[in-house]
C-alpha atoms as a PDB file:
ATOM      1  CA  MET A   1     107.127 125.290  97.849  1.00  0.00           C
ATOM      2  CA  VAL A   2     103.788 123.547 100.147  1.00  0.00           C
ATOM      3  CA  LEU A   3     102.774 121.807  96.282  1.00  0.00           C
ATOM      4  CA  PHE A   4     106.133 120.405  95.798  1.00  0.00           C
ATOM      5  CA  LEU A   5     106.376 119.179  99.341  1.00  0.00           C
ATOM      6  CA  TYR A   6     102.949 117.107  98.945  1.00  0.00           C
ATOM      7  CA  LEU A   7     103.711 116.072  95.400  1.00  0.00           C
ATOM      8  CA  LEU A   8     106.920 114.744  97.143  1.00  0.00           C
ATOM      9  CA  MET A   9     105.278 112.915  99.856  1.00  0.00           C
ATOM     10  CA  ASN A  10     102.343 111.333  98.004  1.00  0.00           C
ATOM     11  CA  GLY A  11     104.991 110.217  95.103  1.00  0.00           C
ATOM     12  CA  ILE A  12     107.218 108.891  98.073  1.00  0.00           C
ATOM     13  CA  ALA A  13     104.367 107.164 100.149  1.00  0.00           C
ATOM     14  CA  ILE A  14     102.950 105.594  96.197  1.00  0.00           C
ATOM     15  CA  ILE A  15     106.627 104.137  95.496  1.00  0.00           C
ATOM     16  CA  PHE A  16     107.284 102.639  98.721  1.00  0.00           C
ATOM     17  CA  PHE A  17     103.655 100.785  98.772  1.00  0.00           C
ATOM     18  CA  MET A  18     104.746  99.578  94.835  1.00  0.00           C
ATOM     19  CA  ARG A  19     107.601  98.145  96.024  1.00  0.00           C
ATOM     20  CA  LYS A  20     106.325  96.751  99.349  1.00  0.00           C
ATOM     21  CA  LYS A  21     105.349  93.029  99.699  1.00  0.00           C
ATOM     22  CA  LYS A  22     101.672  92.985 100.230  1.00  0.00           C
ATOM     23  CA  GLU A  23      99.316  90.374 102.258  1.00  0.00           C
ATOM     24  CA  LEU A  24      96.446  91.502 100.137  1.00  0.00           C
ATOM     25  CA  HIS A  25      94.701  90.502  96.932  1.00  0.00           C
ATOM     26  CA  ILE A  26      94.520  93.509  93.929  1.00  0.00           C
ATOM     27  CA  LEU A  27      90.718  93.257  94.543  1.00  0.00           C
ATOM     28  CA  GLU A  28      91.283  94.497  98.333  1.00  0.00           C
ATOM     29  CA  ILE A  29      93.554  96.928  97.463  1.00  0.00           C
ATOM     30  CA  LEU A  30      90.802  98.407  95.144  1.00  0.00           C
ATOM     31  CA  ALA A  31      87.743  97.915  97.880  1.00  0.00           C
ATOM     32  CA  TYR A  32      89.841  99.152 100.627  1.00  0.00           C
ATOM     33  CA  TRP A  33      91.424 102.292  99.013  1.00  0.00           C
ATOM     34  CA  PHE A  34      87.816 103.145  97.990  1.00  0.00           C
ATOM     35  CA  PHE A  35      86.511 102.661 101.406  1.00  0.00           C
ATOM     36  CA  ALA A  36      89.562 105.012 102.880  1.00  0.00           C
ATOM     37  CA  SER A  37      89.119 107.747 100.158  1.00  0.00           C
ATOM     38  CA  TYR A  38      85.031 107.638 101.236  1.00  0.00           C
ATOM     39  CA  VAL A  39      86.036 107.844 104.567  1.00  0.00           C
ATOM     40  CA  ALA A  40      88.830 110.396 104.573  1.00  0.00           C
ATOM     41  CA  GLN A  41      86.472 112.866 101.694  1.00  0.00           C
ATOM     42  CA  ASN A  42      83.226 112.574 104.589  1.00  0.00           C
ATOM     43  CA  PHE A  43      85.601 113.397 107.235  1.00  0.00           C
ATOM     44  CA  SER A  44      87.027 116.722 105.359  1.00  0.00           C
ATOM     45  CA  ALA A  45      83.501 117.768 104.022  1.00  0.00           C
ATOM     46  CA  LEU A  46      81.571 116.924 107.452  1.00  0.00           C
ATOM     47  CA  PHE A  47      83.867 119.269 109.248  1.00  0.00           C
ATOM     48  CA  TYR A  48      84.943 121.741 106.104  1.00  0.00           C
ATOM     49  CA  MET A  49      81.674 122.173 104.613  1.00  0.00           C
ATOM     50  CA  ASN A  50      78.472 121.078 107.738  1.00  0.00           C
ATOM     51  CA  PHE A  51      80.633 122.352 110.636  1.00  0.00           C
ATOM     52  CA  LYS A  52      82.925 124.688 109.234  1.00  0.00           C
ATOM     53  CA  ASN A  53      85.596 123.881 111.807  1.00  0.00           C
ATOM     54  CA  LEU A  54      88.347 123.175 109.176  1.00  0.00           C
ATOM     55  CA  TYR A  55      89.332 125.742 106.873  1.00  0.00           C
ATOM     56  CA  ILE A  56      91.240 125.847 103.299  1.00  0.00           C
ATOM     57  CA  PRO A  57      92.526 128.897 102.111  1.00  0.00           C
ATOM     58  CA  GLU A  58      91.518 130.101  98.828  1.00  0.00           C
ATOM     59  CA  LYS A  59      94.866 129.541  97.344  1.00  0.00           C
ATOM     60  CA  LEU A  60      95.274 126.860  94.116  1.00  0.00           C
ATOM     61  CA  SER A  61      98.530 125.211  95.652  1.00  0.00           C
ATOM     62  CA  PHE A  62      96.850 124.882  99.236  1.00  0.00           C
ATOM     63  CA  GLU A  63      93.869 123.522  97.534  1.00  0.00           C
ATOM     64  CA  PHE A  64      95.585 120.829  95.580  1.00  0.00           C
ATOM     65  CA  SER A  65      98.001 119.925  98.352  1.00  0.00           C
ATOM     66  CA  HIS A  66      94.939 119.295 100.217  1.00  0.00           C
ATOM     67  CA  PHE A  67      93.122 117.408  97.043  1.00  0.00           C
ATOM     68  CA  ILE A  68      96.204 114.995  96.474  1.00  0.00           C
ATOM     69  CA  SER A  69      96.452 114.150 100.224  1.00  0.00           C
ATOM     70  CA  ARG A  70      92.891 113.519 101.014  1.00  0.00           C
ATOM     71  CA  ILE A  71      92.597 111.495  97.295  1.00  0.00           C
ATOM     72  CA  THR A  72      96.384 109.661  97.746  1.00  0.00           C
ATOM     73  CA  LEU A  73      98.084 109.880 101.242  1.00  0.00           C
ATOM     74  CA  TYR A  74      95.509 109.424 103.503  1.00  0.00           C
ATOM     75  CA  PRO A  75      93.993 106.269 101.846  1.00  0.00           C
ATOM     76  CA  LEU A  76      97.309 105.011 100.976  1.00  0.00           C
ATOM     77  CA  LEU A  77      98.578 105.037 104.402  1.00  0.00           C
ATOM     78  CA  MET A  78      95.073 103.643 105.479  1.00  0.00           C
ATOM     79  CA  VAL A  79      95.393 100.218 103.307  1.00  0.00           C
ATOM     80  CA  LEU A  80      99.243 100.622 104.544  1.00  0.00           C
ATOM     81  CA  PHE A  81      98.057 100.200 107.950  1.00  0.00           C
ATOM     82  CA  LEU A  82      95.879  97.302 106.907  1.00  0.00           C
ATOM     83  CA  ASP A  83      98.275  95.202 105.329  1.00  0.00           C
ATOM     84  CA  TYR A  84     100.512  95.624 108.125  1.00  0.00           C
ATOM     85  CA  TYR A  85      97.842  94.533 110.206  1.00  0.00           C
ATOM     86  CA  LEU A  86      97.318  91.476 108.503  1.00  0.00           C
ATOM     87  CA  LYS A  87     100.714  90.721 109.235  1.00  0.00           C
ATOM     88  CA  ALA A  88     100.685  91.447 113.369  1.00  0.00           C
ATOM     89  CA  ASN A  89     100.491  88.357 114.653  1.00  0.00           C
ATOM     90  CA  ASN A  90      99.159  89.144 118.749  1.00  0.00           C
ATOM     91  CA  LEU A  91      96.849  91.963 119.822  1.00  0.00           C
ATOM     92  CA  VAL A  92      99.634  93.963 121.726  1.00  0.00           C
ATOM     93  CA  ARG A  93     101.797  94.456 118.021  1.00  0.00           C
ATOM     94  CA  LYS A  94      97.814  95.002 116.443  1.00  0.00           C
ATOM     95  CA  LEU A  95      97.022  97.610 118.863  1.00  0.00           C
ATOM     96  CA  LEU A  96     100.632  99.291 119.096  1.00  0.00           C
ATOM     97  CA  LEU A  97     100.388  99.581 114.951  1.00  0.00           C
ATOM     98  CA  MET A  98      97.020 101.005 115.700  1.00  0.00           C
ATOM     99  CA  LEU A  99      98.551 103.767 117.769  1.00  0.00           C
ATOM    100  CA  GLY A 100     101.489 104.264 115.313  1.00  0.00           C
ATOM    101  CA  PHE A 101      99.242 104.910 112.120  1.00  0.00           C
ATOM    102  CA  VAL A 102      96.665 106.978 114.126  1.00  0.00           C
ATOM    103  CA  VAL A 103      99.849 109.246 115.097  1.00  0.00           C
ATOM    104  CA  LEU A 104     101.316 109.763 111.649  1.00  0.00           C
ATOM    105  CA  LEU A 105      97.539 110.503 110.375  1.00  0.00           C
ATOM    106  CA  THR A 106      97.146 113.027 112.911  1.00  0.00           C
ATOM    107  CA  SER A 107     100.685 114.146 112.721  1.00  0.00           C
ATOM    108  CA  ILE A 108      99.912 114.799 108.897  1.00  0.00           C
ATOM    109  CA  GLU A 109      96.557 116.216 109.602  1.00  0.00           C
ATOM    110  CA  TRP A 110      98.288 119.215 111.507  1.00  0.00           C
ATOM    111  CA  LEU A 111     101.445 119.410 109.505  1.00  0.00           C
ATOM    112  CA  ASN A 112      98.369 120.523 107.273  1.00  0.00           C
ATOM    113  CA  HIS A 113      97.129 123.057 109.584  1.00  0.00           C
ATOM    114  CA  PHE A 114     101.106 124.433 110.473  1.00  0.00           C
ATOM    115  CA  LEU A 115     101.830 125.135 106.528  1.00  0.00           C
ATOM    116  CA  GLY A 116      98.524 126.609 106.330  1.00  0.00           C
ATOM    117  CA  VAL A 117      97.023 123.962 103.659  1.00  0.00           C
ATOM    118  CA  LEU A 118      93.852 122.996 105.869  1.00  0.00           C
ATOM    119  CA  VAL A 119      93.996 125.262 109.139  1.00  0.00           C
ATOM    120  CA  HIS A 120      91.506 123.995 112.234  1.00  0.00           C
ATOM    121  CA  LYS A 121      88.973 126.717 113.936  1.00  0.00           C
ATOM    122  CA  ASN A 122      87.352 125.980 117.175  1.00  0.00           C
ATOM    123  CA  TRP A 123      89.064 122.632 116.914  1.00  0.00           C
ATOM    124  CA  GLN A 124      90.187 120.091 120.149  1.00  0.00           C
ATOM    125  CA  PHE A 125      93.473 118.399 119.337  1.00  0.00           C
ATOM    126  CA  TRP A 126      92.288 115.380 120.799  1.00  0.00           C
ATOM    127  CA  TRP A 127      89.429 114.942 117.833  1.00  0.00           C
ATOM    128  CA  SER A 128      92.011 114.197 115.708  1.00  0.00           C
ATOM    129  CA  PRO A 129      93.040 110.765 116.941  1.00  0.00           C
ATOM    130  CA  ALA A 130      89.605 109.974 118.020  1.00  0.00           C
ATOM    131  CA  ILE A 131      88.619 110.259 114.427  1.00  0.00           C
ATOM    132  CA  TRP A 132      91.675 108.425 112.930  1.00  0.00           C
ATOM    133  CA  PHE A 133      91.568 105.993 115.412  1.00  0.00           C
ATOM    134  CA  ALA A 134      87.573 105.247 114.909  1.00  0.00           C
ATOM    135  CA  GLY A 135      88.683 105.344 111.045  1.00  0.00           C
ATOM    136  CA  LEU A 136      90.808 102.893 111.061  1.00  0.00           C
ATOM    137  CA  LEU A 137      88.303 100.759 113.076  1.00  0.00           C
ATOM    138  CA  LEU A 138      85.947 101.132 110.299  1.00  0.00           C
ATOM    139  CA  LEU A 139      88.370 100.170 107.488  1.00  0.00           C
ATOM    140  CA  ILE A 140      88.935  96.925 109.753  1.00  0.00           C
ATOM    141  CA  GLY A 141      85.637  96.075 110.304  1.00  0.00           C
ATOM    142  CA  PHE A 142      85.313  96.506 106.478  1.00  0.00           C
ATOM    143  CA  MET A 143      87.917  94.546 105.474  1.00  0.00           C
ATOM    144  CA  LYS A 144      86.612  91.666 107.998  1.00  0.00           C
ATOM    145  CA  ILE A 145      83.139  91.247 105.928  1.00  0.00           C
ATOM    146  CA  PHE A 146      85.229  91.997 102.974  1.00  0.00           C
ATOM    147  CA  ARG A 147      87.648  89.276 103.226  1.00  0.00           C
ATOM    148  CA  ILE A 148      84.451  87.040 103.867  1.00  0.00           C
ATOM    149  CA  LEU A 149      82.643  87.420 100.855  1.00  0.00           C
ATOM    150  CA  LEU A 150      86.101  87.518  98.766  1.00  0.00           C
ATOM    151  CA  PHE A 151      87.524  84.383  99.892  1.00  0.00           C
ATOM    152  CA  ARG A 152      84.241  82.625 100.449  1.00  0.00           C
ATOM    153  CA  GLY A 153      84.723  79.019  99.511  1.00  0.00           C
ATOM    154  CA  GLY A 154      88.301  79.097  99.449  1.00  0.00           C
ATOM    155  CA  GLU A 155      91.350  80.266 101.777  1.00  0.00           C
ATOM    156  CA  TYR A 156      90.686  82.840 104.589  1.00  0.00           C
ATOM    157  CA  LYS A 157      93.444  84.284 106.872  1.00  0.00           C
END
């Protein structure tokens, strides 16, 4: 049942992303997806394997649910954040967008906890929003650098 819920969440997110009119170039989407996936993978690996603050139950449906969220849902939401970030035209909207996506990513992480997919041990709640905030800031910095290189000699927004 949990696996079906995660497949449904990921499917809805993918369909929404595919149908949405995007401000990002296809190369940007690919690069940001890889970078966001790298950030999500390192977050998971660092706190799961090194610090032992996260625990994934050894049940195939839980492991697979966590895997598809880490590979698909988190990077997709982070790329979606960048797409909306480009459309936001002032600082207040960008900060509200950042706050909204930090809340969304933290909520999904804690949904994982409550469903037993990714259990937090010795974890302070405020660490989750802080980590997602830092991840989104890293992604914005990567986007700025990548867009300079991508649009060198051409149009840059």
